[in-house]
């Protein structure tokens, strides 16, 4: 077990230390960059990684330390919302820092690369849609239950029958949004096509690009937004309820998982 944890930690550290290669390999799944584009991207990623190490990792460590101090007495609906806000802030800072370079890279894409990128996104969305196509509502709820229990076991360890029953209740209460998510993904595809069609209009191009990057939720339908808010409220109450049923062993398991991530972040910082 110790060797597995060491290898897992080394793998994460390797990926972080070679983030330029990781990002370029990831982007290569969507669009083929030429040598000049890759060289420029690698240079910008390395600068971004330096900033992330100096500015962001200390914030992550502070956040993880706060999570390490959680117990059944201080988990509240307000603390869960505060944690979600912190996660959103981490994302927004990273996107804000990367946005100028992403925008610059997008401007360098030729029409063939733009088409390749849109087609790649379409293909991945199609794969996601097909994963759940033809499934009944109850089958989808079974998937929700399986995912919930898998997540709980990863972070808490062995579950009690009471906790499993609560997970079952959650899976039956949440709103299934598969059709609305398909509509959302279709909207994103349409917006990407509109983006590249207006590349010569700098005002429109920049506005749409930044909206896609910073406000993807603005493309949600009103119903999807309401349903997501509803499901978040259910999940927060579920998390609060579970926290009150956790044994000392489960709390130690949870704190141990958080500590692993905090120690990894501290290792990367040094």
C-alpha atoms as a PDB file:
ATOM      1  CA  UNK A   1       0.000   0.000   0.000  1.00  0.00           C
ATOM      2  CA  UNK A   2       2.818   2.415   0.904  1.00  0.00           C
ATOM      3  CA  UNK A   3       4.569   1.721  -2.406  1.00  0.00           C
ATOM      4  CA  UNK A   4       1.325   2.411  -4.283  1.00  0.00           C
ATOM      5  CA  UNK A   5       0.900   5.757  -2.503  1.00  0.00           C
ATOM      6  CA  UNK A   6       4.524   6.671  -3.222  1.00  0.00           C
ATOM      7  CA  UNK A   7       4.117   5.787  -6.901  1.00  0.00           C
ATOM      8  CA  UNK A   8       0.843   7.739  -7.099  1.00  0.00           C
ATOM      9  CA  UNK A   9       2.487  10.764  -5.517  1.00  0.00           C
ATOM     10  CA  UNK A  10       5.484  10.484  -7.847  1.00  0.00           C
ATOM     11  CA  UNK A  11       3.155  10.261 -10.849  1.00  0.00           C
ATOM     12  CA  UNK A  12       1.328  13.451  -9.833  1.00  0.00           C
ATOM     13  CA  UNK A  13       4.637  15.220  -9.209  1.00  0.00           C
ATOM     14  CA  UNK A  14       5.959  14.049 -12.579  1.00  0.00           C
ATOM     15  CA  UNK A  15       2.884  15.395 -14.354  1.00  0.00           C
ATOM     16  CA  UNK A  16       3.144  18.744 -12.576  1.00  0.00           C
ATOM     17  CA  UNK A  17       6.882  19.037 -13.242  1.00  0.00           C
ATOM     18  CA  UNK A  18       6.312  18.259 -16.929  1.00  0.00           C
ATOM     19  CA  UNK A  19       3.152  20.309 -17.320  1.00  0.00           C
ATOM     20  CA  UNK A  20       4.273  21.760 -20.656  1.00  0.00           C
ATOM     21  CA  UNK A  21       4.437  18.277 -22.191  1.00  0.00           C
ATOM     22  CA  UNK A  22       1.146  17.241 -20.548  1.00  0.00           C
ATOM     23  CA  UNK A  23      -0.764  20.274 -21.841  1.00  0.00           C
ATOM     24  CA  UNK A  24       0.651  20.016 -25.364  1.00  0.00           C
ATOM     25  CA  UNK A  25      -0.207  16.303 -25.485  1.00  0.00           C
ATOM     26  CA  UNK A  26      -3.727  17.095 -24.274  1.00  0.00           C
ATOM     27  CA  UNK A  27      -4.230  19.860 -26.836  1.00  0.00           C
ATOM     28  CA  UNK A  28      -2.864  17.586 -29.545  1.00  0.00           C
ATOM     29  CA  UNK A  29      -5.971  15.431 -29.052  1.00  0.00           C
ATOM     30  CA  UNK A  30      -8.027  18.414 -30.202  1.00  0.00           C
ATOM     31  CA  UNK A  31      -5.882  20.263 -32.720  1.00  0.00           C
ATOM     32  CA  UNK A  32      -2.572  19.686 -34.519  1.00  0.00           C
ATOM     33  CA  UNK A  33      -0.185  22.554 -33.795  1.00  0.00           C
ATOM     34  CA  UNK A  34       2.811  23.353 -35.973  1.00  0.00           C
ATOM     35  CA  UNK A  35       6.328  23.577 -34.558  1.00  0.00           C
ATOM     36  CA  UNK A  36       6.267  27.332 -34.054  1.00  0.00           C
ATOM     37  CA  UNK A  37       2.926  27.197 -32.253  1.00  0.00           C
ATOM     38  CA  UNK A  38       4.118  24.375 -29.986  1.00  0.00           C
ATOM     39  CA  UNK A  39       7.338  26.229 -29.125  1.00  0.00           C
ATOM     40  CA  UNK A  40       5.450  29.394 -28.209  1.00  0.00           C
ATOM     41  CA  UNK A  41       2.886  27.434 -26.211  1.00  0.00           C
ATOM     42  CA  UNK A  42       5.602  25.566 -24.306  1.00  0.00           C
ATOM     43  CA  UNK A  43       7.289  28.847 -23.392  1.00  0.00           C
ATOM     44  CA  UNK A  44       4.029  30.361 -22.106  1.00  0.00           C
ATOM     45  CA  UNK A  45       3.100  27.212 -20.165  1.00  0.00           C
ATOM     46  CA  UNK A  46       6.435  27.206 -18.348  1.00  0.00           C
ATOM     47  CA  UNK A  47       5.879  30.828 -17.318  1.00  0.00           C
ATOM     48  CA  UNK A  48       2.367  29.949 -16.186  1.00  0.00           C
ATOM     49  CA  UNK A  49       3.739  27.004 -14.191  1.00  0.00           C
ATOM     50  CA  UNK A  50       6.213  29.283 -12.395  1.00  0.00           C
ATOM     51  CA  UNK A  51       3.385  31.656 -11.483  1.00  0.00           C
ATOM     52  CA  UNK A  52       1.205  28.753 -10.365  1.00  0.00           C
ATOM     53  CA  UNK A  53       3.931  27.362  -8.124  1.00  0.00           C
ATOM     54  CA  UNK A  54       4.706  30.706  -6.498  1.00  0.00           C
ATOM     55  CA  UNK A  55       1.220  32.161  -6.216  1.00  0.00           C
ATOM     56  CA  UNK A  56      -1.336  29.352  -6.315  1.00  0.00           C
ATOM     57  CA  UNK A  57       0.192  26.372  -4.525  1.00  0.00           C
ATOM     58  CA  UNK A  58       0.394  28.274  -1.196  1.00  0.00           C
ATOM     59  CA  UNK A  59      -3.319  29.078  -1.543  1.00  0.00           C
ATOM     60  CA  UNK A  60      -4.100  25.421  -2.252  1.00  0.00           C
ATOM     61  CA  UNK A  61      -2.111  24.379   0.806  1.00  0.00           C
ATOM     62  CA  UNK A  62      -4.010  26.836   3.026  1.00  0.00           C
ATOM     63  CA  UNK A  63      -7.301  25.550   1.629  1.00  0.00           C
ATOM     64  CA  UNK A  64      -6.310  21.921   2.216  1.00  0.00           C
ATOM     65  CA  UNK A  65      -5.288  22.727   5.786  1.00  0.00           C
ATOM     66  CA  UNK A  66      -8.765  24.133   6.351  1.00  0.00           C
ATOM     67  CA  UNK A  67     -10.282  20.921   5.001  1.00  0.00           C
ATOM     68  CA  UNK A  68      -8.019  18.895   7.294  1.00  0.00           C
ATOM     69  CA  UNK A  69      -9.583  20.668  10.271  1.00  0.00           C
ATOM     70  CA  UNK A  70     -13.143  19.683   9.344  1.00  0.00           C
ATOM     71  CA  UNK A  71     -15.161  17.599  11.779  1.00  0.00           C
ATOM     72  CA  UNK A  72     -18.831  16.876  12.380  1.00  0.00           C
ATOM     73  CA  UNK A  73     -19.123  19.981  14.569  1.00  0.00           C
ATOM     74  CA  UNK A  74     -17.966  22.520  11.976  1.00  0.00           C
ATOM     75  CA  UNK A  75     -19.440  21.105   8.756  1.00  0.00           C
ATOM     76  CA  UNK A  76     -22.397  23.344   7.893  1.00  0.00           C
ATOM     77  CA  UNK A  77     -24.280  24.321   4.768  1.00  0.00           C
ATOM     78  CA  UNK A  78     -22.448  27.658   4.942  1.00  0.00           C
ATOM     79  CA  UNK A  79     -19.028  25.993   5.151  1.00  0.00           C
ATOM     80  CA  UNK A  80     -19.865  23.800   2.158  1.00  0.00           C
ATOM     81  CA  UNK A  81     -20.817  26.880   0.142  1.00  0.00           C
ATOM     82  CA  UNK A  82     -17.622  28.629   1.261  1.00  0.00           C
ATOM     83  CA  UNK A  83     -15.570  25.635   0.106  1.00  0.00           C
ATOM     84  CA  UNK A  84     -17.316  25.672  -3.271  1.00  0.00           C
ATOM     85  CA  UNK A  85     -16.585  29.405  -3.587  1.00  0.00           C
ATOM     86  CA  UNK A  86     -12.903  28.770  -2.867  1.00  0.00           C
ATOM     87  CA  UNK A  87     -12.773  26.090  -5.559  1.00  0.00           C
ATOM     88  CA  UNK A  88     -14.368  28.482  -8.020  1.00  0.00           C
ATOM     89  CA  UNK A  89     -11.867  31.190  -7.075  1.00  0.00           C
ATOM     90  CA  UNK A  90      -8.955  28.810  -7.715  1.00  0.00           C
ATOM     91  CA  UNK A  91     -10.350  28.103 -11.189  1.00  0.00           C
ATOM     92  CA  UNK A  92     -11.051  31.744 -12.015  1.00  0.00           C
ATOM     93  CA  UNK A  93      -7.548  32.879 -11.057  1.00  0.00           C
ATOM     94  CA  UNK A  94      -5.966  30.186 -13.212  1.00  0.00           C
ATOM     95  CA  UNK A  95      -8.197  30.953 -16.188  1.00  0.00           C
ATOM     96  CA  UNK A  96      -7.595  34.692 -15.800  1.00  0.00           C
ATOM     97  CA  UNK A  97      -3.850  34.143 -15.890  1.00  0.00           C
ATOM     98  CA  UNK A  98      -3.988  31.756 -18.857  1.00  0.00           C
ATOM     99  CA  UNK A  99      -6.614  33.664 -20.863  1.00  0.00           C
ATOM    100  CA  UNK A 100      -4.278  36.047 -22.756  1.00  0.00           C
ATOM    101  CA  UNK A 101      -2.083  33.169 -23.945  1.00  0.00           C
ATOM    102  CA  UNK A 102      -5.074  31.023 -24.890  1.00  0.00           C
ATOM    103  CA  UNK A 103      -6.529  33.934 -26.813  1.00  0.00           C
ATOM    104  CA  UNK A 104      -3.222  34.519 -28.595  1.00  0.00           C
ATOM    105  CA  UNK A 105      -2.973  30.831 -29.514  1.00  0.00           C
ATOM    106  CA  UNK A 106      -6.529  30.802 -30.865  1.00  0.00           C
ATOM    107  CA  UNK A 107      -5.693  33.761 -33.100  1.00  0.00           C
ATOM    108  CA  UNK A 108      -2.799  31.802 -34.607  1.00  0.00           C
ATOM    109  CA  UNK A 109      -4.959  28.869 -35.689  1.00  0.00           C
ATOM    110  CA  UNK A 110      -5.636  28.658 -39.407  1.00  0.00           C
ATOM    111  CA  UNK A 111      -9.021  27.643 -40.818  1.00  0.00           C
ATOM    112  CA  UNK A 112      -8.017  23.978 -41.066  1.00  0.00           C
ATOM    113  CA  UNK A 113      -6.976  23.911 -37.420  1.00  0.00           C
ATOM    114  CA  UNK A 114     -10.180  25.664 -36.383  1.00  0.00           C
ATOM    115  CA  UNK A 115     -12.262  23.036 -38.167  1.00  0.00           C
ATOM    116  CA  UNK A 116     -10.183  20.265 -36.622  1.00  0.00           C
ATOM    117  CA  UNK A 117     -10.721  21.714 -33.150  1.00  0.00           C
ATOM    118  CA  UNK A 118     -14.500  22.028 -33.572  1.00  0.00           C
ATOM    119  CA  UNK A 119     -14.717  18.507 -35.024  1.00  0.00           C
ATOM    120  CA  UNK A 120     -12.714  17.143 -32.076  1.00  0.00           C
ATOM    121  CA  UNK A 121     -15.042  18.798 -29.580  1.00  0.00           C
ATOM    122  CA  UNK A 122     -18.043  17.436 -31.485  1.00  0.00           C
ATOM    123  CA  UNK A 123     -16.592  13.925 -31.354  1.00  0.00           C
ATOM    124  CA  UNK A 124     -15.995  14.062 -27.621  1.00  0.00           C
ATOM    125  CA  UNK A 125     -19.470  15.441 -26.994  1.00  0.00           C
ATOM    126  CA  UNK A 126     -20.893  12.674 -29.178  1.00  0.00           C
ATOM    127  CA  UNK A 127     -19.059  10.055 -27.121  1.00  0.00           C
ATOM    128  CA  UNK A 128     -20.449  11.574 -23.943  1.00  0.00           C
ATOM    129  CA  UNK A 129     -23.986  11.640 -25.326  1.00  0.00           C
ATOM    130  CA  UNK A 130     -23.764   8.032 -26.516  1.00  0.00           C
ATOM    131  CA  UNK A 131     -22.586   6.915 -23.079  1.00  0.00           C
ATOM    132  CA  UNK A 132     -26.039   7.636 -21.658  1.00  0.00           C
ATOM    133  CA  UNK A 133     -28.183   7.309 -24.782  1.00  0.00           C
ATOM    134  CA  UNK A 134     -31.026   4.824 -24.561  1.00  0.00           C
ATOM    135  CA  UNK A 135     -30.787   4.405 -20.797  1.00  0.00           C
ATOM    136  CA  UNK A 136     -33.965   4.584 -18.742  1.00  0.00           C
ATOM    137  CA  UNK A 137     -34.317   7.085 -15.925  1.00  0.00           C
ATOM    138  CA  UNK A 138     -33.859   4.323 -13.365  1.00  0.00           C
ATOM    139  CA  UNK A 139     -30.691   3.130 -15.094  1.00  0.00           C
ATOM    140  CA  UNK A 140     -29.349   6.676 -14.942  1.00  0.00           C
ATOM    141  CA  UNK A 141     -30.208   6.844 -11.244  1.00  0.00           C
ATOM    142  CA  UNK A 142     -28.303   3.603 -10.717  1.00  0.00           C
ATOM    143  CA  UNK A 143     -25.278   5.276 -12.313  1.00  0.00           C
ATOM    144  CA  UNK A 144     -25.705   8.238  -9.951  1.00  0.00           C
ATOM    145  CA  UNK A 145     -25.796   5.821  -7.007  1.00  0.00           C
ATOM    146  CA  UNK A 146     -22.722   3.906  -8.190  1.00  0.00           C
ATOM    147  CA  UNK A 147     -20.752   7.130  -8.679  1.00  0.00           C
ATOM    148  CA  UNK A 148     -21.854   8.485  -5.304  1.00  0.00           C
ATOM    149  CA  UNK A 149     -20.896   5.330  -3.410  1.00  0.00           C
ATOM    150  CA  UNK A 150     -17.582   5.110  -5.276  1.00  0.00           C
ATOM    151  CA  UNK A 151     -16.769   8.702  -4.317  1.00  0.00           C
ATOM    152  CA  UNK A 152     -17.806   8.102  -0.696  1.00  0.00           C
ATOM    153  CA  UNK A 153     -15.706   4.947  -0.383  1.00  0.00           C
ATOM    154  CA  UNK A 154     -12.677   6.736  -1.809  1.00  0.00           C
ATOM    155  CA  UNK A 155     -12.909   9.562   0.717  1.00  0.00           C
ATOM    156  CA  UNK A 156     -14.463   7.813   3.728  1.00  0.00           C
ATOM    157  CA  UNK A 157     -13.559   4.151   3.429  1.00  0.00           C
ATOM    158  CA  UNK A 158     -16.072   1.411   4.178  1.00  0.00           C
ATOM    159  CA  UNK A 159     -19.653   2.723   4.334  1.00  0.00           C
ATOM    160  CA  UNK A 160     -22.322   1.876   6.877  1.00  0.00           C
ATOM    161  CA  UNK A 161     -25.742   0.593   5.828  1.00  0.00           C
ATOM    162  CA  UNK A 162     -27.217   3.925   6.956  1.00  0.00           C
ATOM    163  CA  UNK A 163     -24.824   5.853   4.706  1.00  0.00           C
ATOM    164  CA  UNK A 164     -25.594   3.585   1.758  1.00  0.00           C
ATOM    165  CA  UNK A 165     -29.315   4.129   2.323  1.00  0.00           C
ATOM    166  CA  UNK A 166     -28.767   7.904   2.355  1.00  0.00           C
ATOM    167  CA  UNK A 167     -26.824   7.658  -0.917  1.00  0.00           C
ATOM    168  CA  UNK A 168     -29.703   5.672  -2.393  1.00  0.00           C
ATOM    169  CA  UNK A 169     -32.121   8.407  -1.340  1.00  0.00           C
ATOM    170  CA  UNK A 170     -29.965  11.067  -2.985  1.00  0.00           C
ATOM    171  CA  UNK A 171     -29.832   9.107  -6.248  1.00  0.00           C
ATOM    172  CA  UNK A 172     -33.632   9.008  -6.305  1.00  0.00           C
ATOM    173  CA  UNK A 173     -34.084  12.683  -5.407  1.00  0.00           C
ATOM    174  CA  UNK A 174     -31.717  14.430  -7.832  1.00  0.00           C
ATOM    175  CA  UNK A 175     -33.029  15.706 -11.141  1.00  0.00           C
ATOM    176  CA  UNK A 176     -31.653  13.827 -14.154  1.00  0.00           C
ATOM    177  CA  UNK A 177     -30.428  16.417 -16.652  1.00  0.00           C
ATOM    178  CA  UNK A 178     -29.072  14.309 -19.517  1.00  0.00           C
ATOM    179  CA  UNK A 179     -31.271  15.914 -22.243  1.00  0.00           C
ATOM    180  CA  UNK A 180     -30.509  19.414 -20.961  1.00  0.00           C
ATOM    181  CA  UNK A 181     -26.775  18.716 -20.913  1.00  0.00           C
ATOM    182  CA  UNK A 182     -27.006  17.558 -24.531  1.00  0.00           C
ATOM    183  CA  UNK A 183     -28.689  20.865 -25.393  1.00  0.00           C
ATOM    184  CA  UNK A 184     -25.941  22.728 -23.557  1.00  0.00           C
ATOM    185  CA  UNK A 185     -23.208  20.924 -25.461  1.00  0.00           C
ATOM    186  CA  UNK A 186     -24.987  21.709 -28.731  1.00  0.00           C
ATOM    187  CA  UNK A 187     -25.019  25.379 -27.725  1.00  0.00           C
ATOM    188  CA  UNK A 188     -21.281  25.294 -27.075  1.00  0.00           C
ATOM    189  CA  UNK A 189     -20.636  23.768 -30.511  1.00  0.00           C
ATOM    190  CA  UNK A 190     -22.757  26.463 -32.159  1.00  0.00           C
ATOM    191  CA  UNK A 191     -20.904  29.153 -30.221  1.00  0.00           C
ATOM    192  CA  UNK A 192     -17.507  27.762 -31.217  1.00  0.00           C
ATOM    193  CA  UNK A 193     -18.543  27.803 -34.857  1.00  0.00           C
ATOM    194  CA  UNK A 194     -19.846  31.358 -34.440  1.00  0.00           C
ATOM    195  CA  UNK A 195     -16.570  32.314 -32.752  1.00  0.00           C
ATOM    196  CA  UNK A 196     -14.365  31.233 -35.637  1.00  0.00           C
ATOM    197  CA  UNK A 197     -16.772  32.605 -38.242  1.00  0.00           C
ATOM    198  CA  UNK A 198     -16.256  36.044 -36.667  1.00  0.00           C
ATOM    199  CA  UNK A 199     -12.504  35.920 -36.300  1.00  0.00           C
ATOM    200  CA  UNK A 200     -12.109  39.051 -38.395  1.00  0.00           C
ATOM    201  CA  UNK A 201     -14.416  40.967 -36.052  1.00  0.00           C
ATOM    202  CA  UNK A 202     -12.091  41.564 -33.111  1.00  0.00           C
ATOM    203  CA  UNK A 203     -14.828  42.879 -30.809  1.00  0.00           C
ATOM    204  CA  UNK A 204     -17.182  39.928 -31.339  1.00  0.00           C
ATOM    205  CA  UNK A 205     -14.364  37.378 -31.329  1.00  0.00           C
ATOM    206  CA  UNK A 206     -12.888  38.539 -28.040  1.00  0.00           C
ATOM    207  CA  UNK A 207     -16.295  38.841 -26.386  1.00  0.00           C
ATOM    208  CA  UNK A 208     -17.385  35.321 -27.366  1.00  0.00           C
ATOM    209  CA  UNK A 209     -13.976  33.819 -26.551  1.00  0.00           C
ATOM    210  CA  UNK A 210     -13.961  35.292 -23.051  1.00  0.00           C
ATOM    211  CA  UNK A 211     -17.559  34.273 -22.425  1.00  0.00           C
ATOM    212  CA  UNK A 212     -16.789  30.680 -23.380  1.00  0.00           C
ATOM    213  CA  UNK A 213     -13.742  30.705 -21.134  1.00  0.00           C
ATOM    214  CA  UNK A 214     -15.033  32.568 -18.084  1.00  0.00           C
ATOM    215  CA  UNK A 215     -18.795  32.048 -18.192  1.00  0.00           C
ATOM    216  CA  UNK A 216     -19.599  28.621 -19.663  1.00  0.00           C
ATOM    217  CA  UNK A 217     -22.632  28.486 -17.367  1.00  0.00           C
ATOM    218  CA  UNK A 218     -24.103  31.444 -19.274  1.00  0.00           C
ATOM    219  CA  UNK A 219     -24.964  28.906 -21.994  1.00  0.00           C
ATOM    220  CA  UNK A 220     -27.110  26.881 -19.603  1.00  0.00           C
ATOM    221  CA  UNK A 221     -30.826  26.979 -20.260  1.00  0.00           C
ATOM    222  CA  UNK A 222     -32.942  28.501 -17.485  1.00  0.00           C
ATOM    223  CA  UNK A 223     -34.244  25.043 -16.643  1.00  0.00           C
ATOM    224  CA  UNK A 224     -30.764  23.530 -16.435  1.00  0.00           C
ATOM    225  CA  UNK A 225     -29.651  26.351 -14.140  1.00  0.00           C
ATOM    226  CA  UNK A 226     -32.620  25.753 -11.837  1.00  0.00           C
ATOM    227  CA  UNK A 227     -32.031  22.008 -11.845  1.00  0.00           C
ATOM    228  CA  UNK A 228     -28.330  22.387 -11.074  1.00  0.00           C
ATOM    229  CA  UNK A 229     -29.112  24.705  -8.157  1.00  0.00           C
ATOM    230  CA  UNK A 230     -31.665  22.175  -6.922  1.00  0.00           C
ATOM    231  CA  UNK A 231     -29.171  19.308  -7.139  1.00  0.00           C
ATOM    232  CA  UNK A 232     -26.442  21.325  -5.417  1.00  0.00           C
ATOM    233  CA  UNK A 233     -28.799  22.046  -2.522  1.00  0.00           C
ATOM    234  CA  UNK A 234     -29.646  18.337  -2.278  1.00  0.00           C
ATOM    235  CA  UNK A 235     -25.970  17.378  -2.412  1.00  0.00           C
ATOM    236  CA  UNK A 236     -25.014  19.901   0.260  1.00  0.00           C
ATOM    237  CA  UNK A 237     -27.686  18.557   2.590  1.00  0.00           C
ATOM    238  CA  UNK A 238     -26.549  15.020   1.772  1.00  0.00           C
ATOM    239  CA  UNK A 239     -22.926  15.917   2.583  1.00  0.00           C
ATOM    240  CA  UNK A 240     -23.991  17.528   5.852  1.00  0.00           C
ATOM    241  CA  UNK A 241     -26.065  14.481   6.792  1.00  0.00           C
ATOM    242  CA  UNK A 242     -23.223  12.088   5.971  1.00  0.00           C
ATOM    243  CA  UNK A 243     -20.737  14.150   7.999  1.00  0.00           C
ATOM    244  CA  UNK A 244     -22.930  13.657  11.057  1.00  0.00           C
ATOM    245  CA  UNK A 245     -22.883   9.859  10.609  1.00  0.00           C
ATOM    246  CA  UNK A 246     -19.142   9.469  10.018  1.00  0.00           C
ATOM    247  CA  UNK A 247     -17.216   7.309  12.458  1.00  0.00           C
ATOM    248  CA  UNK A 248     -13.849   8.306  13.908  1.00  0.00           C
ATOM    249  CA  UNK A 249     -12.238   5.838  11.499  1.00  0.00           C
ATOM    250  CA  UNK A 250     -13.957   7.486   8.531  1.00  0.00           C
ATOM    251  CA  UNK A 251     -12.835  10.931   9.677  1.00  0.00           C
ATOM    252  CA  UNK A 252      -9.254   9.650   9.942  1.00  0.00           C
ATOM    253  CA  UNK A 253      -9.573   8.234   6.428  1.00  0.00           C
ATOM    254  CA  UNK A 254     -10.900  11.550   5.098  1.00  0.00           C
ATOM    255  CA  UNK A 255      -8.218  13.609   6.847  1.00  0.00           C
ATOM    256  CA  UNK A 256      -5.580  11.197   5.543  1.00  0.00           C
ATOM    257  CA  UNK A 257      -6.733  11.709   1.944  1.00  0.00           C
ATOM    258  CA  UNK A 258      -6.638  15.481   2.362  1.00  0.00           C
ATOM    259  CA  UNK A 259      -3.221  15.260   4.010  1.00  0.00           C
ATOM    260  CA  UNK A 260      -1.861  13.304   1.021  1.00  0.00           C
ATOM    261  CA  UNK A 261      -2.860  16.151  -1.310  1.00  0.00           C
ATOM    262  CA  UNK A 262      -1.545  18.816   1.065  1.00  0.00           C
ATOM    263  CA  UNK A 263       1.820  17.053   1.420  1.00  0.00           C
ATOM    264  CA  UNK A 264       2.017  16.639  -2.351  1.00  0.00           C
ATOM    265  CA  UNK A 265       1.396  20.374  -2.818  1.00  0.00           C
ATOM    266  CA  UNK A 266       4.048  21.174  -0.199  1.00  0.00           C
ATOM    267  CA  UNK A 267       6.492  18.810  -1.928  1.00  0.00           C
ATOM    268  CA  UNK A 268       5.857  20.521  -5.268  1.00  0.00           C
ATOM    269  CA  UNK A 269       6.409  23.900  -3.631  1.00  0.00           C
ATOM    270  CA  UNK A 270       9.890  22.949  -2.405  1.00  0.00           C
END
